[in-house]
């Protein structure tokens, strides 16, 4: 997971209003990036 990917995950989570699910969502993104980081990065880059 690169710094760019971590920032993306952080940005996505920062857009979520403060709620009790934020930690779980962050962990879910973290796992997704761990296993599918390259694919997700490419998808995000292609959308911009």
C-alpha atoms as a PDB file:
ATOM      1  CA  UNK A   1       0.000   0.000   0.000  1.00  0.00           C
ATOM      2  CA  UNK A   2       1.575   3.269  -1.092  1.00  0.00           C
ATOM      3  CA  UNK A   3       1.283   6.627   0.638  1.00  0.00           C
ATOM      4  CA  UNK A   4      -1.023   7.737  -2.173  1.00  0.00           C
ATOM      5  CA  UNK A   5      -3.354   4.805  -1.493  1.00  0.00           C
ATOM      6  CA  UNK A   6      -3.345   5.553   2.231  1.00  0.00           C
ATOM      7  CA  UNK A   7      -4.254   9.157   1.510  1.00  0.00           C
ATOM      8  CA  UNK A   8      -7.064   8.020  -0.754  1.00  0.00           C
ATOM      9  CA  UNK A   9      -8.466   5.769   1.964  1.00  0.00           C
ATOM     10  CA  UNK A  10      -8.124   8.580   4.501  1.00  0.00           C
ATOM     11  CA  UNK A  11      -9.858  11.050   2.178  1.00  0.00           C
ATOM     12  CA  UNK A  12     -12.714   8.635   1.543  1.00  0.00           C
ATOM     13  CA  UNK A  13     -13.142   8.131   5.268  1.00  0.00           C
ATOM     14  CA  UNK A  14     -12.906  11.854   6.010  1.00  0.00           C
ATOM     15  CA  UNK A  15     -15.896  12.425   3.738  1.00  0.00           C
ATOM     16  CA  UNK A  16     -17.975  10.100   5.872  1.00  0.00           C
ATOM     17  CA  UNK A  17     -19.802  11.977   8.626  1.00  0.00           C
ATOM     18  CA  UNK A  18     -18.635  11.155  12.126  1.00  0.00           C
ATOM     19  CA  UNK A  19     -20.432   8.009  13.086  1.00  0.00           C
ATOM     20  CA  UNK A  20     -19.907   4.736  14.863  1.00  0.00           C
ATOM     21  CA  UNK A  21     -19.109   2.912  11.631  1.00  0.00           C
ATOM     22  CA  UNK A  22     -16.142   5.021  10.590  1.00  0.00           C
ATOM     23  CA  UNK A  23     -13.532   2.694  12.114  1.00  0.00           C
ATOM     24  CA  UNK A  24     -15.098  -0.358  10.522  1.00  0.00           C
ATOM     25  CA  UNK A  25     -15.247   1.378   7.149  1.00  0.00           C
ATOM     26  CA  UNK A  26     -11.615   2.405   7.457  1.00  0.00           C
ATOM     27  CA  UNK A  27     -10.598  -1.171   8.296  1.00  0.00           C
ATOM     28  CA  UNK A  28     -12.599  -2.461   5.346  1.00  0.00           C
ATOM     29  CA  UNK A  29     -10.874  -0.068   2.941  1.00  0.00           C
ATOM     30  CA  UNK A  30      -7.533  -1.000   4.481  1.00  0.00           C
ATOM     31  CA  UNK A  31      -8.175  -4.692   3.784  1.00  0.00           C
ATOM     32  CA  UNK A  32      -9.426  -3.943   0.278  1.00  0.00           C
ATOM     33  CA  UNK A  33      -6.273  -1.993  -0.486  1.00  0.00           C
ATOM     34  CA  UNK A  34      -4.111  -4.740   0.989  1.00  0.00           C
ATOM     35  CA  UNK A  35      -5.547  -7.331  -1.376  1.00  0.00           C
ATOM     36  CA  UNK A  36      -6.670  -5.246  -4.356  1.00  0.00           C
ATOM     37  CA  UNK A  37      -4.531  -2.113  -4.010  1.00  0.00           C
ATOM     38  CA  UNK A  38      -3.255  -2.035  -7.591  1.00  0.00           C
ATOM     39  CA  UNK A  39      -6.675  -2.578  -9.118  1.00  0.00           C
ATOM     40  CA  UNK A  40      -8.303   0.036  -6.878  1.00  0.00           C
ATOM     41  CA  UNK A  41      -5.527   2.542  -7.566  1.00  0.00           C
ATOM     42  CA  UNK A  42      -5.972   2.084 -11.298  1.00  0.00           C
ATOM     43  CA  UNK A  43      -9.734   2.486 -11.048  1.00  0.00           C
ATOM     44  CA  UNK A  44      -9.403   5.642  -8.974  1.00  0.00           C
ATOM     45  CA  UNK A  45      -6.775   7.074 -11.323  1.00  0.00           C
ATOM     46  CA  UNK A  46      -8.909   6.361 -14.371  1.00  0.00           C
ATOM     47  CA  UNK A  47     -11.901   8.145 -12.851  1.00  0.00           C
ATOM     48  CA  UNK A  48     -10.026  11.403 -12.286  1.00  0.00           C
END
